[in-house]
C-alpha atoms as a PDB file:
ATOM      1  CA  UNK A   1     112.491  91.212 132.853  1.00  0.00           C
ATOM      2  CA  UNK A   2     109.905  93.699 134.056  1.00  0.00           C
ATOM      3  CA  UNK A   3     110.639  96.232 136.768  1.00  0.00           C
ATOM      4  CA  UNK A   4     109.163  96.003 140.266  1.00  0.00           C
ATOM      5  CA  UNK A   5     106.348  98.581 140.682  1.00  0.00           C
ATOM      6  CA  UNK A   6     108.352 100.890 142.974  1.00  0.00           C
ATOM      7  CA  UNK A   7     111.304 100.787 140.571  1.00  0.00           C
ATOM      8  CA  UNK A   8     109.058 101.693 137.622  1.00  0.00           C
ATOM      9  CA  UNK A   9     107.614 104.626 139.618  1.00  0.00           C
ATOM     10  CA  UNK A  10     111.099 105.838 140.565  1.00  0.00           C
ATOM     11  CA  UNK A  11     112.184 105.561 136.944  1.00  0.00           C
ATOM     12  CA  UNK A  12     109.219 107.687 135.864  1.00  0.00           C
ATOM     13  CA  UNK A  13     110.051 110.303 138.512  1.00  0.00           C
ATOM     14  CA  UNK A  14     113.675 110.520 137.405  1.00  0.00           C
ATOM     15  CA  UNK A  15     112.807 110.621 133.706  1.00  0.00           C
ATOM     16  CA  UNK A  16     110.439 113.523 134.396  1.00  0.00           C
ATOM     17  CA  UNK A  17     113.125 115.443 136.292  1.00  0.00           C
ATOM     18  CA  UNK A  18     114.142 118.649 134.545  1.00  0.00           C
ATOM     19  CA  UNK A  19     117.883 118.242 134.431  1.00  0.00           C
ATOM     20  CA  UNK A  20     120.746 117.160 136.569  1.00  0.00           C
ATOM     21  CA  UNK A  21     120.154 119.310 139.675  1.00  0.00           C
ATOM     22  CA  UNK A  22     116.617 118.024 140.085  1.00  0.00           C
ATOM     23  CA  UNK A  23     117.811 114.413 139.721  1.00  0.00           C
ATOM     24  CA  UNK A  24     120.527 115.014 142.335  1.00  0.00           C
ATOM     25  CA  UNK A  25     117.872 116.399 144.714  1.00  0.00           C
ATOM     26  CA  UNK A  26     115.634 113.391 144.059  1.00  0.00           C
ATOM     27  CA  UNK A  27     118.577 111.107 144.758  1.00  0.00           C
ATOM     28  CA  UNK A  28     119.072 112.711 148.187  1.00  0.00           C
ATOM     29  CA  UNK A  29     115.331 112.440 148.929  1.00  0.00           C
ATOM     30  CA  UNK A  30     115.313 108.731 148.082  1.00  0.00           C
ATOM     31  CA  UNK A  31     118.294 108.259 150.396  1.00  0.00           C
ATOM     32  CA  UNK A  32     116.575 110.168 153.188  1.00  0.00           C
ATOM     33  CA  UNK A  33     113.541 107.850 152.872  1.00  0.00           C
ATOM     34  CA  UNK A  34     115.617 104.724 153.387  1.00  0.00           C
ATOM     35  CA  UNK A  35     114.437 103.089 156.620  1.00  0.00           C
ATOM     36  CA  UNK A  36     117.286 103.132 159.160  1.00  0.00           C
ATOM     37  CA  UNK A  37     119.008  99.879 160.027  1.00  0.00           C
ATOM     38  CA  UNK A  38     119.228  98.927 163.674  1.00  0.00           C
ATOM     39  CA  UNK A  39     122.594  99.289 165.387  1.00  0.00           C
ATOM     40  CA  UNK A  40     122.645  95.488 165.663  1.00  0.00           C
ATOM     41  CA  UNK A  41     122.456  95.241 161.851  1.00  0.00           C
ATOM     42  CA  UNK A  42     125.317  97.732 161.446  1.00  0.00           C
ATOM     43  CA  UNK A  43     127.890  95.108 162.334  1.00  0.00           C
ATOM     44  CA  UNK A  44     131.022  93.929 160.579  1.00  0.00           C
ATOM     45  CA  UNK A  45     129.272  90.799 159.265  1.00  0.00           C
ATOM     46  CA  UNK A  46     126.789  92.977 157.337  1.00  0.00           C
ATOM     47  CA  UNK A  47     129.318  95.499 156.058  1.00  0.00           C
ATOM     48  CA  UNK A  48     129.825  95.471 152.298  1.00  0.00           C
ATOM     49  CA  UNK A  49     133.510  95.423 151.422  1.00  0.00           C
ATOM     50  CA  UNK A  50     134.639  97.227 148.296  1.00  0.00           C
ATOM     51  CA  UNK A  51     132.833 100.482 149.107  1.00  0.00           C
ATOM     52  CA  UNK A  52     134.755 103.621 150.051  1.00  0.00           C
ATOM     53  CA  UNK A  53     131.824 104.620 152.265  1.00  0.00           C
ATOM     54  CA  UNK A  54     130.453 102.374 154.976  1.00  0.00           C
ATOM     55  CA  UNK A  55     127.533 100.358 153.613  1.00  0.00           C
ATOM     56  CA  UNK A  56     125.639  97.696 155.536  1.00  0.00           C
ATOM     57  CA  UNK A  57     123.285  95.207 153.905  1.00  0.00           C
ATOM     58  CA  UNK A  58     120.860  92.642 155.261  1.00  0.00           C
ATOM     59  CA  UNK A  59     118.582  90.406 153.243  1.00  0.00           C
ATOM     60  CA  UNK A  60     115.828  87.936 153.885  1.00  0.00           C
ATOM     61  CA  UNK A  61     113.942  85.486 151.714  1.00  0.00           C
ATOM     62  CA  UNK A  62     110.145  85.782 151.943  1.00  0.00           C
ATOM     63  CA  UNK A  63     108.037  83.354 149.912  1.00  0.00           C
ATOM     64  CA  UNK A  64     110.775  82.874 147.346  1.00  0.00           C
ATOM     65  CA  UNK A  65     111.397  86.611 146.908  1.00  0.00           C
ATOM     66  CA  UNK A  66     114.266  88.608 148.374  1.00  0.00           C
ATOM     67  CA  UNK A  67     113.861  91.715 150.510  1.00  0.00           C
ATOM     68  CA  UNK A  68     116.943  93.732 151.291  1.00  0.00           C
ATOM     69  CA  UNK A  69     117.585  96.609 153.642  1.00  0.00           C
ATOM     70  CA  UNK A  70     120.705  98.739 153.621  1.00  0.00           C
ATOM     71  CA  UNK A  71     122.235 101.883 154.987  1.00  0.00           C
ATOM     72  CA  UNK A  72     125.307 104.014 154.417  1.00  0.00           C
ATOM     73  CA  UNK A  73     127.097 106.792 156.254  1.00  0.00           C
ATOM     74  CA  UNK A  74     127.291 108.782 152.990  1.00  0.00           C
ATOM     75  CA  UNK A  75     124.167 110.618 151.824  1.00  0.00           C
ATOM     76  CA  UNK A  76     124.799 110.240 148.083  1.00  0.00           C
ATOM     77  CA  UNK A  77     125.510 106.517 148.460  1.00  0.00           C
ATOM     78  CA  UNK A  78     122.339 106.112 150.558  1.00  0.00           C
ATOM     79  CA  UNK A  79     120.368 107.544 147.632  1.00  0.00           C
ATOM     80  CA  UNK A  80     122.035 105.262 145.110  1.00  0.00           C
ATOM     81  CA  UNK A  81     121.552 102.244 147.391  1.00  0.00           C
ATOM     82  CA  UNK A  82     117.880 103.193 147.909  1.00  0.00           C
ATOM     83  CA  UNK A  83     117.388 103.126 144.131  1.00  0.00           C
ATOM     84  CA  UNK A  84     119.217  99.813 143.884  1.00  0.00           C
ATOM     85  CA  UNK A  85     116.913  98.371 146.578  1.00  0.00           C
ATOM     86  CA  UNK A  86     113.858  99.525 144.621  1.00  0.00           C
ATOM     87  CA  UNK A  87     115.240  97.675 141.618  1.00  0.00           C
ATOM     88  CA  UNK A  88     115.964  94.382 143.405  1.00  0.00           C
ATOM     89  CA  UNK A  89     113.479  94.014 146.266  1.00  0.00           C
ATOM     90  CA  UNK A  90     110.893  91.358 145.531  1.00  0.00           C
ATOM     91  CA  UNK A  91     113.027  89.538 142.965  1.00  0.00           C
ATOM     92  CA  UNK A  92     113.801  85.829 143.029  1.00  0.00           C
ATOM     93  CA  UNK A  93     117.426  84.702 143.312  1.00  0.00           C
ATOM     94  CA  UNK A  94     117.459  83.942 139.573  1.00  0.00           C
ATOM     95  CA  UNK A  95     116.151  87.405 138.656  1.00  0.00           C
ATOM     96  CA  UNK A  96     118.687  88.990 140.977  1.00  0.00           C
ATOM     97  CA  UNK A  97     121.499  87.380 138.972  1.00  0.00           C
ATOM     98  CA  UNK A  98     120.236  89.161 135.836  1.00  0.00           C
ATOM     99  CA  UNK A  99     120.068  92.726 137.176  1.00  0.00           C
ATOM    100  CA  UNK A 100     122.100  95.054 134.947  1.00  0.00           C
ATOM    101  CA  UNK A 101     123.343  97.769 137.297  1.00  0.00           C
ATOM    102  CA  UNK A 102     124.881 100.173 134.733  1.00  0.00           C
ATOM    103  CA  UNK A 103     121.747  99.922 132.600  1.00  0.00           C
ATOM    104  CA  UNK A 104     119.468 100.721 135.574  1.00  0.00           C
ATOM    105  CA  UNK A 105     121.411 103.852 136.567  1.00  0.00           C
ATOM    106  CA  UNK A 106     121.676 104.854 132.920  1.00  0.00           C
ATOM    107  CA  UNK A 107     117.866 104.665 132.576  1.00  0.00           C
ATOM    108  CA  UNK A 108     117.545 106.818 135.699  1.00  0.00           C
ATOM    109  CA  UNK A 109     119.881 109.376 134.106  1.00  0.00           C
ATOM    110  CA  UNK A 110     122.366 108.950 136.950  1.00  0.00           C
ATOM    111  CA  UNK A 111     125.351 107.397 135.188  1.00  0.00           C
ATOM    112  CA  UNK A 112     127.164 110.760 135.429  1.00  0.00           C
ATOM    113  CA  UNK A 113     126.874 110.457 139.189  1.00  0.00           C
ATOM    114  CA  UNK A 114     128.646 107.118 139.179  1.00  0.00           C
ATOM    115  CA  UNK A 115     132.338 107.785 139.559  1.00  0.00           C
ATOM    116  CA  UNK A 116     134.425 104.608 139.185  1.00  0.00           C
ATOM    117  CA  UNK A 117     134.628 104.240 142.972  1.00  0.00           C
ATOM    118  CA  UNK A 118     130.847 104.652 143.422  1.00  0.00           C
ATOM    119  CA  UNK A 119     130.247 102.268 140.557  1.00  0.00           C
ATOM    120  CA  UNK A 120     132.554  99.709 142.168  1.00  0.00           C
ATOM    121  CA  UNK A 121     130.836 100.217 145.509  1.00  0.00           C
ATOM    122  CA  UNK A 122     127.370  99.631 144.059  1.00  0.00           C
ATOM    123  CA  UNK A 123     128.644  96.586 142.200  1.00  0.00           C
ATOM    124  CA  UNK A 124     130.003  95.311 145.529  1.00  0.00           C
ATOM    125  CA  UNK A 125     126.529  95.809 147.080  1.00  0.00           C
ATOM    126  CA  UNK A 126     124.861  93.906 144.218  1.00  0.00           C
ATOM    127  CA  UNK A 127     127.526  91.196 144.447  1.00  0.00           C
ATOM    128  CA  UNK A 128     126.843  90.847 148.180  1.00  0.00           C
ATOM    129  CA  UNK A 129     123.099  90.535 147.450  1.00  0.00           C
ATOM    130  CA  UNK A 130     123.859  87.753 145.003  1.00  0.00           C
ATOM    131  CA  UNK A 131     126.009  85.992 147.629  1.00  0.00           C
ATOM    132  CA  UNK A 132     123.142  86.207 150.134  1.00  0.00           C
ATOM    133  CA  UNK A 133     120.709  84.856 147.507  1.00  0.00           C
ATOM    134  CA  UNK A 134     122.355  81.891 145.783  1.00  0.00           C
ATOM    135  CA  UNK A 135     120.372  80.202 143.008  1.00  0.00           C
END
């Protein structure tokens, strides 16, 4: 399965990063670029359970392809979620089911950043996306 254009560009950026500190900085920058969710979207119904931090997720189907928006109160998680959104936005429901989260963050060189709790949180976000986008 090929990567969405923005995901491929992000991957290139991270692979060109000279070491861990630069990748961590990039991660924060990606999080800072995440468009804010409205207060109305930051409601209990949109909260992703299974994350230590607060994460909200909304999704909408446009012409057979999913577009998600998300936010978090934690800066590091916002960055990770931003990279997850790059990976999944524009996919069909079927493609969404095939996304390999550990592989994506491994390619980005960020697996070190994924503590078990962060990993579980991101898996919960992906799981919620899959619930919103049934086959």
